Structure formats: structure tokens, C-alpha cells
Amino acid sequence: MTDARTNSRTVSDMPRIGIGYALMLAAVVAYGLHALLVAGPALHAAAEQHLARAIAEEDHDVCGSFGIRPGTAQFLSCSRALAIIRQRQSDRDNAAAQGVL
């Protein structure tokens, strides 16, 4: 007599497994496209807003530590000087990353 295996896969089970993998792959691709096309720009805009707020707070703290009040011409000048300093630091960081420095 032959033993009947109850837990073995049959030929008819194989297409079901392939369909399951294909559906899972389609779900992952759909989620990736959503993250790339829908959520990506919103996250980028939120990050830019966060950076702008952080820079404004830094300007307020640094310029305020020298007694310069927001809304004055001196505060505007101080903020511009800090922006130049940030840009120079960014340029140095980029040059170092490229191996120039």
C-alpha cells in the first residue's frame, strides 16, 4: 500500500503560491509609489518648513544674545551674516565630502 501524504503540496497548489507572491509584490509596489508620489512631496515641504523655523529660532537666539531685537535693521543684518556663515560651512562640508579639502 502507498502512504497518502496529507501535507504535501500538489501541482494545483503551486499557482496559488505564485498568485500570492504576485499580490504581495503588487501591494509593495503600490505602497512604494504612494510614498514616492503622494507622501514624498508633503514630507519634503514639511522638512523645509521645519528647517526654516529652526534657522529663524537660531537667528533670534544668536542675534538676541547680542542685544539685537527682531524687526530692526540690525537684526536683518545679523540674520544675513548668519546666512553667509551657514552657506560657507555648507560649502566646506560639501568640499570635504568630495575630497577637495
Protein backbone atom coordinates (compact mmCIF):
# COMPACT_ATOMS: atom_id res chain seq x y z
CA MET A 1 0.00 0.00 0.00
CA THR A 2 1.05 3.50 -0.61
CA ASP A 3 1.09 6.14 2.05
CA ALA A 4 -1.01 9.20 1.36
CA ARG A 5 0.69 12.40 2.37
CA THR A 6 -1.82 14.92 3.59
CA ASN A 7 0.52 17.87 4.00
CA SER A 8 2.40 17.67 0.73
CA ARG A 9 1.94 20.24 -2.00
CA THR A 10 0.29 19.25 -5.16
CA VAL A 11 0.62 20.67 -8.62
CA SER A 12 -2.64 22.58 -8.19
CA ASP A 13 -1.24 24.40 -5.12
CA MET A 14 1.70 25.92 -6.99
CA PRO A 15 -0.28 28.54 -8.98
CA ARG A 16 -1.90 29.72 -5.73
CA ILE A 17 1.52 30.34 -4.20
CA GLY A 18 2.60 32.28 -7.30
CA ILE A 19 -0.55 34.39 -7.19
CA GLY A 20 0.06 35.11 -3.51
CA TYR A 21 3.60 36.30 -4.20
CA ALA A 22 2.40 38.40 -7.12
CA LEU A 23 -0.29 40.06 -4.98
CA MET A 24 2.23 40.75 -2.23
CA LEU A 25 4.65 42.26 -4.75
CA ALA A 26 1.86 44.41 -6.21
CA ALA A 27 1.00 45.70 -2.72
CA VAL A 28 4.63 46.58 -2.01
CA VAL A 29 4.96 48.37 -5.35
CA ALA A 30 1.70 50.29 -4.74
CA TYR A 31 2.91 51.37 -1.30
CA GLY A 32 6.26 52.45 -2.75
CA LEU A 33 4.58 54.52 -5.46
CA HIS A 34 2.32 56.13 -2.88
CA ALA A 35 5.31 57.04 -0.73
CA LEU A 36 7.18 58.39 -3.72
CA LEU A 37 4.43 60.33 -5.46
CA VAL A 38 1.98 61.33 -2.73
CA ALA A 39 3.73 61.38 0.64
CA GLY A 40 7.18 62.35 -0.66
CA PRO A 41 6.45 65.96 -1.66
CA ALA A 42 4.45 66.56 1.53
CA LEU A 43 7.30 65.24 3.66
CA HIS A 44 9.77 67.37 1.72
CA ALA A 45 7.68 70.51 2.27
CA ALA A 46 7.34 69.74 5.98
CA ALA A 47 11.10 69.27 6.26
CA GLU A 48 11.73 72.61 4.54
CA GLN A 49 9.31 74.35 6.91
CA HIS A 50 11.00 72.74 9.91
CA LEU A 51 14.41 73.89 8.67
CA ALA A 52 13.14 77.45 8.12
CA ARG A 53 11.71 77.56 11.66
CA ALA A 54 14.95 76.17 13.13
CA ILE A 55 17.02 78.79 11.28
CA ALA A 56 14.68 81.59 12.40
CA GLU A 57 14.96 80.41 16.02
CA GLU A 58 18.76 80.25 15.75
CA ASP A 59 18.86 83.76 14.29
CA HIS A 60 16.63 85.01 17.10
CA ASP A 61 18.78 83.33 19.77
CA VAL A 62 22.17 84.37 18.39
CA CYS A 63 21.26 87.91 17.42
CA GLY A 64 19.25 88.30 20.62
CA SER A 65 22.28 87.26 22.67
CA PHE A 66 23.99 90.42 21.34
CA GLY A 67 21.01 92.57 22.32
CA ILE A 68 19.65 92.91 18.78
CA ARG A 69 15.87 92.91 18.67
CA PRO A 70 13.85 91.21 15.92
CA GLY A 71 12.33 93.55 13.36
CA THR A 72 15.22 96.02 13.37
CA ALA A 73 17.70 96.75 10.61
CA GLN A 74 20.47 95.41 12.84
CA PHE A 75 18.60 92.12 13.25
CA LEU A 76 18.24 91.83 9.47
CA SER A 77 21.96 92.46 9.07
CA CYS A 78 22.76 89.89 11.75
CA SER A 79 20.50 87.30 10.06
CA ARG A 80 22.21 87.91 6.70
CA ALA A 81 25.63 87.45 8.31
CA LEU A 82 24.49 84.16 9.87
CA ALA A 83 23.15 83.01 6.48
CA ILE A 84 26.55 83.71 4.93
CA ILE A 85 28.24 81.75 7.71
CA ARG A 86 25.85 78.82 7.18
CA GLN A 87 26.49 78.86 3.42
CA ARG A 88 30.27 78.88 3.88
CA GLN A 89 30.03 75.97 6.31
CA SER A 90 27.86 74.08 3.84
CA ASP A 91 30.42 74.76 1.09
CA ARG A 92 33.22 73.46 3.32
CA ASP A 93 31.22 70.36 4.19
CA ASN A 94 30.50 69.64 0.52
CA ALA A 95 34.15 70.17 -0.43
CA ALA A 96 35.26 67.83 2.35
CA ALA A 97 32.75 65.20 1.23
CA GLN A 98 34.14 65.39 -2.30
CA GLY A 99 37.68 65.06 -1.00
CA VAL A 100 38.76 68.56 -2.04
CA LEU A 101 39.73 69.57 1.48
